[in-house]
Amino acid sequence: VDLDECAQRELHYAIVDEVDSILIDEARTPLIISGPAEESSEL
């Protein structure tokens, strides 16, 4: 909620090791941050 709490700076330059694995094999892998919702259903 406050920009001062951000950890990262701008995304300037990156070298990806094992680039074919990360950028091709895992390219569509979603990173997800989630939280609890309602109680689980008996279904």
PDB file of all heavy atoms in Angstrom:
ATOM      1  N   VAL A   1       0.828  -1.212   0.000  1.00  0.00           N
ATOM      2  CA  VAL A   1       0.000   0.000   0.000  1.00  0.00           C
ATOM      3  C   VAL A   1       0.858   1.257   0.000  1.00  0.00           C
ATOM      4  O   VAL A   1       0.354   2.360  -0.205  1.00  0.00           O
ATOM      5  CB  VAL A   1      -0.961   0.016   1.214  1.00  0.00           C
ATOM      6  CG1 VAL A   1      -1.951  -1.135   1.114  1.00  0.00           C
ATOM      7  CG2 VAL A   1      -0.174  -0.080   2.528  1.00  0.00           C
ATOM      8  N   ASP A   2       2.158   1.113   0.245  1.00  0.00           N
ATOM      9  CA  ASP A   2       3.086   2.239   0.275  1.00  0.00           C
ATOM     10  C   ASP A   2       4.300   1.883  -0.571  1.00  0.00           C
ATOM     11  O   ASP A   2       4.920   0.834  -0.374  1.00  0.00           O
ATOM     12  CB  ASP A   2       3.512   2.530   1.717  1.00  0.00           C
ATOM     13  CG  ASP A   2       4.333   3.819   1.827  1.00  0.00           C
ATOM     14  OD1 ASP A   2       4.893   4.248   0.801  1.00  0.00           O
ATOM     15  OD2 ASP A   2       4.414   4.375   2.940  1.00  0.00           O
ATOM     16  N   LEU A   3       4.664   2.734  -1.521  1.00  0.00           N
ATOM     17  CA  LEU A   3       5.787   2.449  -2.409  1.00  0.00           C
ATOM     18  C   LEU A   3       7.099   2.275  -1.655  1.00  0.00           C
ATOM     19  O   LEU A   3       8.016   1.601  -2.133  1.00  0.00           O
ATOM     20  CB  LEU A   3       5.933   3.569  -3.447  1.00  0.00           C
ATOM     21  CG  LEU A   3       4.825   3.659  -4.501  1.00  0.00           C
ATOM     22  CD1 LEU A   3       5.077   4.837  -5.431  1.00  0.00           C
ATOM     23  CD2 LEU A   3       4.739   2.368  -5.305  1.00  0.00           C
ATOM     24  N   ASP A   4       7.200   2.866  -0.474  1.00  0.00           N
ATOM     25  CA  ASP A   4       8.415   2.711   0.321  1.00  0.00           C
ATOM     26  C   ASP A   4       8.598   1.277   0.811  1.00  0.00           C
ATOM     27  O   ASP A   4       9.676   0.901   1.271  1.00  0.00           O
ATOM     28  CB  ASP A   4       8.402   3.666   1.511  1.00  0.00           C
ATOM     29  CG  ASP A   4       8.543   5.120   1.085  1.00  0.00           C
ATOM     30  OD1 ASP A   4       9.088   5.354  -0.012  1.00  0.00           O
ATOM     31  OD2 ASP A   4       8.101   6.009   1.834  1.00  0.00           O
ATOM     32  N   GLU A   5       7.529   0.472   0.728  1.00  0.00           N
ATOM     33  CA  GLU A   5       7.609  -0.915   1.170  1.00  0.00           C
ATOM     34  C   GLU A   5       8.082  -1.846   0.061  1.00  0.00           C
ATOM     35  O   GLU A   5       8.311  -3.032   0.304  1.00  0.00           O
ATOM     36  CB  GLU A   5       6.237  -1.380   1.685  1.00  0.00           C
ATOM     37  CG  GLU A   5       5.733  -0.590   2.888  1.00  0.00           C
ATOM     38  CD  GLU A   5       4.333  -1.026   3.293  1.00  0.00           C
ATOM     39  OE1 GLU A   5       3.885  -2.094   2.813  1.00  0.00           O
ATOM     40  OE2 GLU A   5       3.687  -0.303   4.064  1.00  0.00           O
ATOM     41  N   CYS A   6       8.221  -1.335  -1.161  1.00  0.00           N
ATOM     42  CA  CYS A   6       8.680  -2.173  -2.272  1.00  0.00           C
ATOM     43  C   CYS A   6      10.131  -2.596  -2.054  1.00  0.00           C
ATOM     44  O   CYS A   6      10.964  -1.795  -1.611  1.00  0.00           O
ATOM     45  CB  CYS A   6       8.557  -1.429  -3.600  1.00  0.00           C
ATOM     46  SG  CYS A   6       6.860  -1.171  -4.156  1.00  0.00           S
ATOM     47  N   ALA A   7      10.435  -3.838  -2.379  1.00  0.00           N
ATOM     48  CA  ALA A   7      11.796  -4.344  -2.231  1.00  0.00           C
ATOM     49  C   ALA A   7      12.602  -4.145  -3.508  1.00  0.00           C
ATOM     50  O   ALA A   7      13.738  -3.673  -3.466  1.00  0.00           O
ATOM     51  CB  ALA A   7      11.768  -5.828  -1.857  1.00  0.00           C
ATOM     52  N   GLN A   8      12.008  -4.498  -4.656  1.00  0.00           N
ATOM     53  CA  GLN A   8      12.750  -4.441  -5.910  1.00  0.00           C
ATOM     54  C   GLN A   8      12.901  -3.021  -6.433  1.00  0.00           C
ATOM     55  O   GLN A   8      12.061  -2.157  -6.183  1.00  0.00           O
ATOM     56  CB  GLN A   8      12.060  -5.292  -6.975  1.00  0.00           C
ATOM     57  CG  GLN A   8      12.172  -6.781  -6.765  1.00  0.00           C
ATOM     58  CD  GLN A   8      11.559  -7.564  -7.916  1.00  0.00           C
ATOM     59  OE1 GLN A   8      10.794  -7.047  -8.719  1.00  0.00           O
ATOM     60  NE2 GLN A   8      11.898  -8.851  -7.989  1.00  0.00           N
ATOM     61  N   ARG A   9      13.999  -2.826  -7.178  1.00  0.00           N
ATOM     62  CA  ARG A   9      14.141  -1.613  -7.983  1.00  0.00           C
ATOM     63  C   ARG A   9      13.624  -1.920  -9.382  1.00  0.00           C
ATOM     64  O   ARG A   9      12.982  -2.952  -9.611  1.00  0.00           O
ATOM     65  CB  ARG A   9      15.606  -1.186  -8.031  1.00  0.00           C
ATOM     66  CG  ARG A   9      16.159  -0.755  -6.690  1.00  0.00           C
ATOM     67  CD  ARG A   9      17.523  -0.120  -6.851  1.00  0.00           C
ATOM     68  NE  ARG A   9      18.587  -1.105  -7.058  1.00  0.00           N
ATOM     69  CZ  ARG A   9      19.842  -0.782  -7.348  1.00  0.00           C
ATOM     70  NH1 ARG A   9      20.180   0.497  -7.480  1.00  0.00           N
ATOM     71  NH2 ARG A   9      20.765  -1.722  -7.490  1.00  0.00           N
ATOM     72  N   GLU A  10      13.904  -1.052 -10.325  1.00  0.00           N
ATOM     73  CA  GLU A  10      13.496  -1.313 -11.694  1.00  0.00           C
ATOM     74  C   GLU A  10      14.170  -2.577 -12.204  1.00  0.00           C
ATOM     75  O   GLU A  10      15.245  -2.961 -11.748  1.00  0.00           O
ATOM     76  CB  GLU A  10      13.876  -0.131 -12.588  1.00  0.00           C
ATOM     77  CG  GLU A  10      15.363   0.214 -12.542  1.00  0.00           C
ATOM     78  CD  GLU A  10      15.656   1.544 -13.195  1.00  0.00           C
ATOM     79  OE1 GLU A  10      15.437   1.654 -14.414  1.00  0.00           O
ATOM     80  OE2 GLU A  10      16.106   2.461 -12.493  1.00  0.00           O
ATOM     81  N   LEU A  11      13.521  -3.239 -13.135  1.00  0.00           N
ATOM     82  CA  LEU A  11      14.067  -4.460 -13.725  1.00  0.00           C
ATOM     83  C   LEU A  11      14.986  -4.052 -14.867  1.00  0.00           C
ATOM     84  O   LEU A  11      14.564  -3.902 -16.013  1.00  0.00           O
ATOM     85  CB  LEU A  11      12.927  -5.356 -14.199  1.00  0.00           C
ATOM     86  CG  LEU A  11      11.940  -5.773 -13.095  1.00  0.00           C
ATOM     87  CD1 LEU A  11      10.805  -6.593 -13.675  1.00  0.00           C
ATOM     88  CD2 LEU A  11      12.653  -6.524 -11.979  1.00  0.00           C
ATOM     89  N   HIS A  12      16.267  -3.897 -14.545  1.00  0.00           N
ATOM     90  CA  HIS A  12      17.240  -3.300 -15.470  1.00  0.00           C
ATOM     91  C   HIS A  12      17.914  -4.338 -16.358  1.00  0.00           C
ATOM     92  O   HIS A  12      17.807  -4.280 -17.587  1.00  0.00           O
ATOM     93  CB  HIS A  12      18.281  -2.532 -14.658  1.00  0.00           C
ATOM     94  CG  HIS A  12      19.450  -2.038 -15.446  1.00  0.00           C
ATOM     95  ND1 HIS A  12      19.302  -1.257 -16.576  1.00  0.00           N
ATOM     96  CD2 HIS A  12      20.795  -2.230 -15.278  1.00  0.00           C
ATOM     97  CE1 HIS A  12      20.501  -0.974 -17.064  1.00  0.00           C
ATOM     98  NE2 HIS A  12      21.418  -1.553 -16.310  1.00  0.00           N
ATOM     99  N   TYR A  13      18.613  -5.309 -15.762  1.00  0.00           N
ATOM    100  CA  TYR A  13      19.388  -6.269 -16.530  1.00  0.00           C
ATOM    101  C   TYR A  13      19.404  -7.599 -15.796  1.00  0.00           C
ATOM    102  O   TYR A  13      19.579  -7.641 -14.575  1.00  0.00           O
ATOM    103  CB  TYR A  13      20.824  -5.767 -16.718  1.00  0.00           C
ATOM    104  CG  TYR A  13      21.758  -6.756 -17.388  1.00  0.00           C
ATOM    105  CD1 TYR A  13      21.603  -7.092 -18.727  1.00  0.00           C
ATOM    106  CD2 TYR A  13      22.795  -7.354 -16.673  1.00  0.00           C
ATOM    107  CE1 TYR A  13      22.463  -7.994 -19.350  1.00  0.00           C
ATOM    108  CE2 TYR A  13      23.665  -8.252 -17.282  1.00  0.00           C
ATOM    109  CZ  TYR A  13      23.481  -8.566 -18.621  1.00  0.00           C
ATOM    110  OH  TYR A  13      24.330  -9.471 -19.235  1.00  0.00           O
ATOM    111  N   ALA A  14      19.208  -8.685 -16.530  1.00  0.00           N
ATOM    112  CA  ALA A  14      19.225 -10.015 -15.913  1.00  0.00           C
ATOM    113  C   ALA A  14      19.887 -11.016 -16.838  1.00  0.00           C
ATOM    114  O   ALA A  14      19.694 -10.979 -18.059  1.00  0.00           O
ATOM    115  CB  ALA A  14      17.810 -10.476 -15.577  1.00  0.00           C
ATOM    116  N   ILE A  15      20.663 -11.905 -16.241  1.00  0.00           N
ATOM    117  CA  ILE A  15      21.190 -13.074 -16.929  1.00  0.00           C
ATOM    118  C   ILE A  15      20.467 -14.285 -16.349  1.00  0.00           C
ATOM    119  O   ILE A  15      20.468 -14.492 -15.134  1.00  0.00           O
ATOM    120  CB  ILE A  15      22.705 -13.234 -16.718  1.00  0.00           C
ATOM    121  CG1 ILE A  15      23.456 -12.011 -17.240  1.00  0.00           C
ATOM    122  CG2 ILE A  15      23.206 -14.496 -17.412  1.00  0.00           C
ATOM    123  CD1 ILE A  15      24.947 -12.035 -16.914  1.00  0.00           C
ATOM    124  N   VAL A  16      19.852 -15.078 -17.199  1.00  0.00           N
ATOM    125  CA  VAL A  16      19.119 -16.257 -16.757  1.00  0.00           C
ATOM    126  C   VAL A  16      19.970 -17.498 -17.024  1.00  0.00           C
ATOM    127  O   VAL A  16      20.267 -17.812 -18.184  1.00  0.00           O
ATOM    128  CB  VAL A  16      17.764 -16.371 -17.483  1.00  0.00           C
ATOM    129  CG1 VAL A  16      16.999 -17.600 -16.985  1.00  0.00           C
ATOM    130  CG2 VAL A  16      16.931 -15.107 -17.268  1.00  0.00           C
ATOM    131  N   ASP A  17      20.368 -18.177 -15.959  1.00  0.00           N
ATOM    132  CA  ASP A  17      21.106 -19.426 -16.100  1.00  0.00           C
ATOM    133  C   ASP A  17      20.113 -20.546 -16.422  1.00  0.00           C
ATOM    134  O   ASP A  17      18.968 -20.518 -15.971  1.00  0.00           O
ATOM    135  CB  ASP A  17      21.857 -19.729 -14.808  1.00  0.00           C
ATOM    136  CG  ASP A  17      22.849 -20.868 -14.964  1.00  0.00           C
ATOM    137  OD1 ASP A  17      23.180 -21.223 -16.122  1.00  0.00           O
ATOM    138  OD2 ASP A  17      23.299 -21.406 -13.942  1.00  0.00           O
ATOM    139  N   GLU A  18      20.581 -21.551 -17.183  1.00  0.00           N
ATOM    140  CA  GLU A  18      19.684 -22.610 -17.682  1.00  0.00           C
ATOM    141  C   GLU A  18      18.467 -21.964 -18.339  1.00  0.00           C
ATOM    142  O   GLU A  18      17.315 -22.261 -18.034  1.00  0.00           O
ATOM    143  CB  GLU A  18      19.264 -23.541 -16.545  1.00  0.00           C
ATOM    144  CG  GLU A  18      20.412 -24.201 -15.819  1.00  0.00           C
ATOM    145  CD  GLU A  18      21.281 -25.090 -16.718  1.00  0.00           C
ATOM    146  OE1 GLU A  18      20.809 -25.461 -17.807  1.00  0.00           O
ATOM    147  OE2 GLU A  18      22.421 -25.371 -16.344  1.00  0.00           O
ATOM    148  N   VAL A  19      18.744 -21.059 -19.273  1.00  0.00           N
ATOM    149  CA  VAL A  19      17.702 -20.207 -19.845  1.00  0.00           C
ATOM    150  C   VAL A  19      16.630 -21.003 -20.568  1.00  0.00           C
ATOM    151  O   VAL A  19      15.445 -20.627 -20.554  1.00  0.00           O
ATOM    152  CB  VAL A  19      18.350 -19.154 -20.787  1.00  0.00           C
ATOM    153  CG1 VAL A  19      19.024 -19.820 -21.972  1.00  0.00           C
ATOM    154  CG2 VAL A  19      17.330 -18.137 -21.250  1.00  0.00           C
ATOM    155  N   ASP A  20      17.001 -22.112 -21.207  1.00  0.00           N
ATOM    156  CA  ASP A  20      15.991 -22.888 -21.921  1.00  0.00           C
ATOM    157  C   ASP A  20      15.010 -23.531 -20.952  1.00  0.00           C
ATOM    158  O   ASP A  20      13.819 -23.654 -21.257  1.00  0.00           O
ATOM    159  CB  ASP A  20      16.642 -23.942 -22.815  1.00  0.00           C
ATOM    160  CG  ASP A  20      17.710 -24.751 -22.086  1.00  0.00           C
ATOM    161  OD1 ASP A  20      18.175 -24.314 -21.018  1.00  0.00           O
ATOM    162  OD2 ASP A  20      18.080 -25.825 -22.594  1.00  0.00           O
ATOM    163  N   SER A  21      15.482 -23.922 -19.777  1.00  0.00           N
ATOM    164  CA  SER A  21      14.583 -24.511 -18.788  1.00  0.00           C
ATOM    165  C   SER A  21      13.621 -23.471 -18.221  1.00  0.00           C
ATOM    166  O   SER A  21      12.408 -23.694 -18.149  1.00  0.00           O
ATOM    167  CB  SER A  21      15.401 -25.137 -17.656  1.00  0.00           C
ATOM    168  OG  SER A  21      14.558 -25.575 -16.609  1.00  0.00           O
ATOM    169  N   ILE A  22      14.161 -22.303 -17.844  1.00  0.00           N
ATOM    170  CA  ILE A  22      13.338 -21.290 -17.175  1.00  0.00           C
ATOM    171  C   ILE A  22      12.424 -20.554 -18.157  1.00  0.00           C
ATOM    172  O   ILE A  22      11.235 -20.340 -17.888  1.00  0.00           O
ATOM    173  CB  ILE A  22      14.233 -20.301 -16.410  1.00  0.00           C
ATOM    174  CG1 ILE A  22      14.918 -21.019 -15.232  1.00  0.00           C
ATOM    175  CG2 ILE A  22      13.428 -19.109 -15.897  1.00  0.00           C
ATOM    176  CD1 ILE A  22      15.921 -20.170 -14.480  1.00  0.00           C
ATOM    177  N   LEU A  23      12.968 -20.144 -19.298  1.00  0.00           N
ATOM    178  CA  LEU A  23      12.191 -19.317 -20.228  1.00  0.00           C
ATOM    179  C   LEU A  23      11.393 -20.111 -21.256  1.00  0.00           C
ATOM    180  O   LEU A  23      10.520 -19.551 -21.922  1.00  0.00           O
ATOM    181  CB  LEU A  23      13.108 -18.337 -20.961  1.00  0.00           C
ATOM    182  CG  LEU A  23      13.808 -17.295 -20.099  1.00  0.00           C
ATOM    183  CD1 LEU A  23      14.489 -16.259 -20.984  1.00  0.00           C
ATOM    184  CD2 LEU A  23      12.843 -16.614 -19.141  1.00  0.00           C
ATOM    185  N   ILE A  24      11.674 -21.398 -21.408  1.00  0.00           N
ATOM    186  CA  ILE A  24      10.918 -22.213 -22.358  1.00  0.00           C
ATOM    187  C   ILE A  24      10.102 -23.278 -21.624  1.00  0.00           C
ATOM    188  O   ILE A  24       8.877 -23.277 -21.666  1.00  0.00           O
ATOM    189  CB  ILE A  24      11.849 -22.883 -23.396  1.00  0.00           C
ATOM    190  CG1 ILE A  24      12.618 -21.818 -24.179  1.00  0.00           C
ATOM    191  CG2 ILE A  24      11.033 -23.750 -24.351  1.00  0.00           C
ATOM    192  CD1 ILE A  24      11.765 -20.870 -24.986  1.00  0.00           C
ATOM    193  N   ASP A  25      10.776 -24.184 -20.896  1.00  0.00           N
ATOM    194  CA  ASP A  25      10.068 -25.281 -20.230  1.00  0.00           C
ATOM    195  C   ASP A  25       9.108 -24.778 -19.159  1.00  0.00           C
ATOM    196  O   ASP A  25       8.005 -25.300 -19.010  1.00  0.00           O
ATOM    197  CB  ASP A  25      11.070 -26.255 -19.600  1.00  0.00           C
ATOM    198  CG  ASP A  25      11.974 -26.901 -20.641  1.00  0.00           C
ATOM    199  OD1 ASP A  25      11.598 -26.892 -21.827  1.00  0.00           O
ATOM    200  OD2 ASP A  25      13.053 -27.397 -20.277  1.00  0.00           O
ATOM    201  N   GLU A  26       9.532 -23.771 -18.396  1.00  0.00           N
ATOM    202  CA  GLU A  26       8.701 -23.268 -17.301  1.00  0.00           C
ATOM    203  C   GLU A  26       8.013 -21.939 -17.638  1.00  0.00           C
ATOM    204  O   GLU A  26       7.451 -21.301 -16.752  1.00  0.00           O
ATOM    205  CB  GLU A  26       9.554 -23.063 -16.042  1.00  0.00           C
ATOM    206  CG  GLU A  26      10.225 -24.314 -15.519  1.00  0.00           C
ATOM    207  CD  GLU A  26      10.973 -24.055 -14.221  1.00  0.00           C
ATOM    208  OE1 GLU A  26      10.359 -23.516 -13.277  1.00  0.00           O
ATOM    209  OE2 GLU A  26      12.169 -24.390 -14.152  1.00  0.00           O
ATOM    210  N   ALA A  27       8.047 -21.560 -18.903  1.00  0.00           N
ATOM    211  CA  ALA A  27       7.580 -20.221 -19.286  1.00  0.00           C
ATOM    212  C   ALA A  27       6.155 -19.937 -18.830  1.00  0.00           C
ATOM    213  O   ALA A  27       5.850 -18.833 -18.374  1.00  0.00           O
ATOM    214  CB  ALA A  27       7.685 -20.047 -20.801  1.00  0.00           C
ATOM    215  N   ARG A  28       5.271 -20.902 -18.965  1.00  0.00           N
ATOM    216  CA  ARG A  28       3.861 -20.678 -18.634  1.00  0.00           C
ATOM    217  C   ARG A  28       3.528 -21.034 -17.194  1.00  0.00           C
ATOM    218  O   ARG A  28       2.362 -20.974 -16.806  1.00  0.00           O
ATOM    219  CB  ARG A  28       2.980 -21.493 -19.584  1.00  0.00           C
ATOM    220  CG  ARG A  28       3.143 -21.110 -21.057  1.00  0.00           C
ATOM    221  CD  ARG A  28       2.728 -19.679 -21.306  1.00  0.00           C
ATOM    222  NE  ARG A  28       2.863 -19.288 -22.691  1.00  0.00           N
ATOM    223  CZ  ARG A  28       1.927 -19.431 -23.618  1.00  0.00           C
ATOM    224  NH1 ARG A  28       0.770 -19.984 -23.289  1.00  0.00           N
ATOM    225  NH2 ARG A  28       2.125 -19.034 -24.854  1.00  0.00           N
ATOM    226  N   THR A  29       4.538 -21.414 -16.424  1.00  0.00           N
ATOM    227  CA  THR A  29       4.279 -21.738 -15.022  1.00  0.00           C
ATOM    228  C   THR A  29       3.837 -20.482 -14.274  1.00  0.00           C
ATOM    229  O   THR A  29       4.567 -19.489 -14.250  1.00  0.00           O
ATOM    230  CB  THR A  29       5.540 -22.312 -14.353  1.00  0.00           C
ATOM    231  OG1 THR A  29       5.950 -23.483 -15.054  1.00  0.00           O
ATOM    232  CG2 THR A  29       5.275 -22.653 -12.892  1.00  0.00           C
ATOM    233  N   PRO A  30       2.656 -20.501 -13.666  1.00  0.00           N
ATOM    234  CA  PRO A  30       2.207 -19.288 -12.964  1.00  0.00           C
ATOM    235  C   PRO A  30       2.744 -19.211 -11.543  1.00  0.00           C
ATOM    236  O   PRO A  30       2.812 -20.208 -10.829  1.00  0.00           O
ATOM    237  CB  PRO A  30       0.674 -19.463 -12.959  1.00  0.00           C
ATOM    238  CG  PRO A  30       0.478 -20.943 -12.926  1.00  0.00           C
ATOM    239  CD  PRO A  30       1.633 -21.558 -13.682  1.00  0.00           C
ATOM    240  N   LEU A  31       3.170 -18.023 -11.162  1.00  0.00           N
ATOM    241  CA  LEU A  31       3.480 -17.733  -9.765  1.00  0.00           C
ATOM    242  C   LEU A  31       2.222 -17.125  -9.165  1.00  0.00           C
ATOM    243  O   LEU A  31       1.656 -16.180  -9.715  1.00  0.00           O
ATOM    244  CB  LEU A  31       4.651 -16.758  -9.668  1.00  0.00           C
ATOM    245  CG  LEU A  31       5.975 -17.240 -10.261  1.00  0.00           C
ATOM    246  CD1 LEU A  31       6.989 -16.113 -10.239  1.00  0.00           C
ATOM    247  CD2 LEU A  31       6.496 -18.443  -9.505  1.00  0.00           C
ATOM    248  N   ILE A  32       1.780 -17.657  -8.049  1.00  0.00           N
ATOM    249  CA  ILE A  32       0.497 -17.238  -7.476  1.00  0.00           C
ATOM    250  C   ILE A  32       0.666 -16.922  -5.999  1.00  0.00           C
ATOM    251  O   ILE A  32       1.241 -17.714  -5.249  1.00  0.00           O
ATOM    252  CB  ILE A  32      -0.566 -18.346  -7.653  1.00  0.00           C
ATOM    253  CG1 ILE A  32      -0.786 -18.647  -9.142  1.00  0.00           C
ATOM    254  CG2 ILE A  32      -1.877 -17.928  -6.992  1.00  0.00           C
ATOM    255  CD1 ILE A  32      -1.660 -19.855  -9.381  1.00  0.00           C
ATOM    256  N   ILE A  33       0.180 -15.770  -5.581  1.00  0.00           N
ATOM    257  CA  ILE A  33       0.058 -15.432  -4.167  1.00  0.00           C
ATOM    258  C   ILE A  33      -1.423 -15.446  -3.832  1.00  0.00           C
ATOM    259  O   ILE A  33      -2.227 -14.765  -4.471  1.00  0.00           O
ATOM    260  CB  ILE A  33       0.663 -14.050  -3.858  1.00  0.00           C
ATOM    261  CG1 ILE A  33       2.187 -14.093  -4.048  1.00  0.00           C
ATOM    262  CG2 ILE A  33       0.321 -13.628  -2.429  1.00  0.00           C
ATOM    263  CD1 ILE A  33       2.865 -12.772  -3.758  1.00  0.00           C
ATOM    264  N   SER A  34      -1.765 -16.251  -2.862  1.00  0.00           N
ATOM    265  CA  SER A  34      -3.179 -16.414  -2.530  1.00  0.00           C
ATOM    266  C   SER A  34      -3.382 -16.322  -1.028  1.00  0.00           C
ATOM    267  O   SER A  34      -2.429 -16.370  -0.245  1.00  0.00           O
ATOM    268  CB  SER A  34      -3.697 -17.763  -3.048  1.00  0.00           C
ATOM    269  OG  SER A  34      -2.942 -18.822  -2.496  1.00  0.00           O
ATOM    270  N   GLY A  35      -4.628 -16.181  -0.644  1.00  0.00           N
ATOM    271  CA  GLY A  35      -4.993 -16.112   0.768  1.00  0.00           C
ATOM    272  C   GLY A  35      -6.243 -16.926   1.010  1.00  0.00           C
ATOM    273  O   GLY A  35      -6.913 -17.354   0.065  1.00  0.00           O
ATOM    274  N   PRO A  36      -6.593 -17.177   2.265  1.00  0.00           N
ATOM    275  CA  PRO A  36      -7.757 -18.018   2.573  1.00  0.00           C
ATOM    276  C   PRO A  36      -9.063 -17.340   2.197  1.00  0.00           C
ATOM    277  O   PRO A  36      -9.222 -16.136   2.317  1.00  0.00           O
ATOM    278  CB  PRO A  36      -7.647 -18.233   4.089  1.00  0.00           C
ATOM    279  CG  PRO A  36      -6.887 -17.036   4.570  1.00  0.00           C
ATOM    280  CD  PRO A  36      -5.926 -16.696   3.483  1.00  0.00           C
ATOM    281  N   ALA A  37      -9.986 -18.158   1.714  1.00  0.00           N
ATOM    282  CA  ALA A  37     -11.336 -17.660   1.396  1.00  0.00           C
ATOM    283  C   ALA A  37     -12.319 -18.331   2.344  1.00  0.00           C
ATOM    284  O   ALA A  37     -12.031 -18.504   3.527  1.00  0.00           O
ATOM    285  CB  ALA A  37     -11.660 -17.948  -0.063  1.00  0.00           C
ATOM    286  N   GLU A  38     -13.461 -18.766   1.813  1.00  0.00           N
ATOM    287  CA  GLU A  38     -14.468 -19.356   2.682  1.00  0.00           C
ATOM    288  C   GLU A  38     -14.065 -20.775   3.098  1.00  0.00           C
ATOM    289  O   GLU A  38     -13.122 -21.335   2.580  1.00  0.00           O
ATOM    290  CB  GLU A  38     -15.825 -19.392   1.970  1.00  0.00           C
ATOM    291  CG  GLU A  38     -15.861 -20.342   0.771  1.00  0.00           C
ATOM    292  CD  GLU A  38     -15.378 -19.668  -0.491  1.00  0.00           C
ATOM    293  OE1 GLU A  38     -14.913 -18.521  -0.414  1.00  0.00           O
ATOM    294  OE2 GLU A  38     -15.455 -20.299  -1.561  1.00  0.00           O
ATOM    295  N   GLU A  39     -14.810 -21.331   4.068  1.00  0.00           N
ATOM    296  CA  GLU A  39     -14.544 -22.691   4.517  1.00  0.00           C
ATOM    297  C   GLU A  39     -14.736 -23.670   3.358  1.00  0.00           C
ATOM    298  O   GLU A  39     -15.567 -23.464   2.479  1.00  0.00           O
ATOM    299  CB  GLU A  39     -15.493 -23.061   5.672  1.00  0.00           C
ATOM    300  CG  GLU A  39     -15.245 -22.295   6.956  1.00  0.00           C
ATOM    301  CD  GLU A  39     -13.912 -22.666   7.589  1.00  0.00           C
ATOM    302  OE1 GLU A  39     -13.414 -23.773   7.314  1.00  0.00           O
ATOM    303  OE2 GLU A  39     -13.368 -21.844   8.348  1.00  0.00           O
ATOM    304  N   SER A  40     -13.940 -24.734   3.361  1.00  0.00           N
ATOM    305  CA  SER A  40     -14.010 -25.708   2.283  1.00  0.00           C
ATOM    306  C   SER A  40     -15.340 -26.450   2.314  1.00  0.00           C
ATOM    307  O   SER A  40     -15.886 -26.753   3.368  1.00  0.00           O
ATOM    308  CB  SER A  40     -12.861 -26.704   2.390  1.00  0.00           C
ATOM    309  OG  SER A  40     -11.634 -26.048   2.177  1.00  0.00           O
ATOM    310  N   SER A  41     -15.830 -26.775   1.124  1.00  0.00           N
ATOM    311  CA  SER A  41     -17.112 -27.453   0.995  1.00  0.00           C
ATOM    312  C   SER A  41     -16.954 -28.953   1.202  1.00  0.00           C
ATOM    313  O   SER A  41     -15.929 -29.544   0.869  1.00  0.00           O
ATOM    314  CB  SER A  41     -17.693 -27.185  -0.394  1.00  0.00           C
ATOM    315  OG  SER A  41     -18.819 -28.002  -0.632  1.00  0.00           O
ATOM    316  N   GLU A  42     -18.005 -29.584   1.741  1.00  0.00           N
ATOM    317  CA  GLU A  42     -18.011 -31.037   1.896  1.00  0.00           C
ATOM    318  C   GLU A  42     -18.085 -31.739   0.550  1.00  0.00           C
ATOM    319  O   GLU A  42     -17.890 -32.950   0.464  1.00  0.00           O
ATOM    320  CB  GLU A  42     -19.197 -31.447   2.776  1.00  0.00           C
ATOM    321  CG  GLU A  42     -18.939 -31.321   4.260  1.00  0.00           C
ATOM    322  CD  GLU A  42     -17.745 -32.163   4.717  1.00  0.00           C
ATOM    323  OE1 GLU A  42     -17.642 -33.346   4.303  1.00  0.00           O
ATOM    324  OE2 GLU A  42     -16.898 -31.633   5.455  1.00  0.00           O
ATOM    325  N   LEU A  43     -18.377 -30.971  -0.508  1.00  0.00           N
ATOM    326  CA  LEU A  43     -18.442 -31.584  -1.840  1.00  0.00           C
ATOM    327  C   LEU A  43     -17.084 -32.148  -2.271  1.00  0.00           C
ATOM    328  O   LEU A  43     -17.031 -33.050  -3.113  1.00  0.00           O
ATOM    329  CB  LEU A  43     -18.930 -30.561  -2.869  1.00  0.00           C
ATOM    330  CG  LEU A  43     -20.408 -30.173  -2.782  1.00  0.00           C
ATOM    331  CD1 LEU A  43     -20.739 -29.058  -3.768  1.00  0.00           C
ATOM    332  CD2 LEU A  43     -21.282 -31.393  -3.058  1.00  0.00           C
TER     333      LEU A  43
END
